[in-house]
Amino acid sequence: MVTNQRRRAIFTALSLYGLAVLFISYFAINAFTGERGLRAQQDLDQQMVEMKTELARLKDERAIWERRVALLRADRLDPDMLEERARALLDDVDPRDVTLLLNPR
């Protein structure tokens, strides 16, 4: 009878410790791999860095386009630049222009 109570006490203590270990390990695993865990935070930080570099690249590209569009406004339009660009796009040459043909190597 004494051994039966002793076994029950030991088994109860071991099962409580085992349950506590499972409970703690569940939360520890979720702290690392869960939806809001440490790995998820690292992934979010990496995405943030990538997005910031892309934002900087897009801002530079936008500034380039804004400069190009500003040159086409009526108050800033340079006639010489417009003529040069039109000739380049249309492959047009004025009869009064002097053309030099170069041999491509």
Protein backbone atom coordinates (compact mmCIF):
# COMPACT_ATOMS: atom_id res chain seq x y z
CA MET A 1 0.00 0.00 0.00
CA VAL A 2 2.79 2.38 0.83
CA THR A 3 4.50 1.56 -2.43
CA ASN A 4 1.35 2.24 -4.36
CA GLN A 5 1.00 5.72 -2.86
CA ARG A 6 4.68 6.37 -3.41
CA ARG A 7 4.45 5.30 -7.06
CA ARG A 8 1.40 7.50 -7.52
CA ALA A 9 3.22 10.50 -5.97
CA ILE A 10 6.28 9.93 -8.18
CA PHE A 11 4.12 9.43 -11.29
CA THR A 12 2.10 12.59 -10.51
CA ALA A 13 5.25 14.65 -10.00
CA LEU A 14 6.84 13.33 -13.21
CA SER A 15 3.67 13.92 -15.23
CA LEU A 16 3.40 17.50 -13.90
CA TYR A 17 7.04 18.17 -14.76
CA GLY A 18 6.53 16.61 -18.19
CA LEU A 19 3.42 18.73 -18.77
CA ALA A 20 5.32 21.85 -17.69
CA VAL A 21 8.19 21.00 -20.08
CA LEU A 22 5.73 20.52 -22.98
CA PHE A 23 3.96 23.76 -22.12
CA ILE A 24 7.21 25.77 -21.95
CA SER A 25 8.64 24.17 -25.11
CA TYR A 26 5.45 24.97 -27.03
CA PHE A 27 5.78 28.67 -26.22
CA ALA A 28 9.53 28.64 -26.82
CA ILE A 29 9.09 27.14 -30.29
CA ASN A 30 6.38 29.67 -31.14
CA ALA A 31 8.61 32.49 -29.92
CA PHE A 32 11.13 31.56 -32.61
CA THR A 33 9.05 30.21 -35.49
CA GLY A 34 5.59 31.64 -34.93
CA GLU A 35 3.77 34.25 -36.98
CA ARG A 36 5.18 37.00 -34.77
CA GLY A 37 8.34 35.24 -33.67
CA LEU A 38 11.99 36.16 -34.02
CA ARG A 39 12.38 34.68 -37.51
CA ALA A 40 9.32 36.55 -38.72
CA GLN A 41 10.82 39.77 -37.35
CA GLN A 42 14.07 39.09 -39.21
CA ASP A 43 12.12 38.49 -42.43
CA LEU A 44 10.23 41.74 -41.94
CA ASP A 45 13.47 43.63 -41.33
CA GLN A 46 14.95 42.18 -44.51
CA GLN A 47 11.84 43.14 -46.50
CA MET A 48 12.05 46.64 -45.05
CA VAL A 49 15.66 47.03 -46.23
CA GLU A 50 14.77 45.76 -49.72
CA MET A 51 11.80 48.09 -49.96
CA LYS A 52 13.85 51.08 -48.83
CA THR A 53 16.47 50.43 -51.53
CA GLU A 54 13.71 50.04 -54.12
CA LEU A 55 12.10 53.27 -52.91
CA ALA A 56 15.40 55.12 -53.26
CA ARG A 57 15.86 53.73 -56.78
CA LEU A 58 12.32 54.73 -57.76
CA LYS A 59 12.79 58.23 -56.32
CA ASP A 60 15.91 58.67 -58.43
CA GLU A 61 14.08 57.43 -61.51
CA ARG A 62 11.18 59.78 -60.81
CA ALA A 63 13.57 62.72 -60.44
CA ILE A 64 15.10 61.89 -63.82
CA TRP A 65 11.68 61.78 -65.46
CA GLU A 66 10.60 65.01 -63.77
CA ARG A 67 13.68 66.74 -65.15
CA ARG A 68 12.94 65.41 -68.64
CA VAL A 69 9.29 66.46 -68.46
CA ALA A 70 10.23 69.89 -67.13
CA LEU A 71 12.24 70.46 -70.29
CA LEU A 72 9.08 69.98 -72.36
CA ARG A 73 7.04 72.67 -70.60
CA ALA A 74 6.19 75.68 -72.72
CA ASP A 75 7.90 78.18 -70.44
CA ARG A 76 11.14 76.16 -70.37
CA LEU A 77 11.19 74.64 -73.84
CA ASP A 78 14.55 75.06 -75.53
CA PRO A 79 14.02 75.23 -79.32
CA ASP A 80 17.53 74.02 -80.14
CA MET A 81 17.17 71.00 -77.89
CA LEU A 82 13.74 70.21 -79.35
CA GLU A 83 15.07 70.39 -82.90
CA GLU A 84 18.07 68.23 -82.04
CA ARG A 85 15.90 65.59 -80.40
CA ALA A 86 13.39 65.60 -83.27
CA ARG A 87 16.15 65.14 -85.82
CA ALA A 88 17.64 62.29 -83.86
CA LEU A 89 14.31 60.51 -83.57
CA LEU A 90 13.29 61.06 -87.20
CA ASP A 91 16.76 60.58 -88.70
CA ASP A 92 16.31 63.88 -90.48
CA VAL A 93 19.09 66.10 -91.81
CA ASP A 94 18.80 69.70 -92.91
CA PRO A 95 20.21 70.31 -96.40
CA ARG A 96 22.45 73.03 -94.96
CA ASP A 97 24.01 70.67 -92.40
CA VAL A 98 27.46 69.27 -92.91
CA THR A 99 27.45 65.52 -92.42
CA LEU A 100 30.47 63.39 -91.74
CA LEU A 101 30.31 59.67 -92.43
CA LEU A 102 32.61 57.57 -90.30
CA ASN A 103 33.75 54.07 -91.08
CA PRO A 104 32.58 51.69 -88.37
CA ARG A 105 35.32 49.22 -87.49
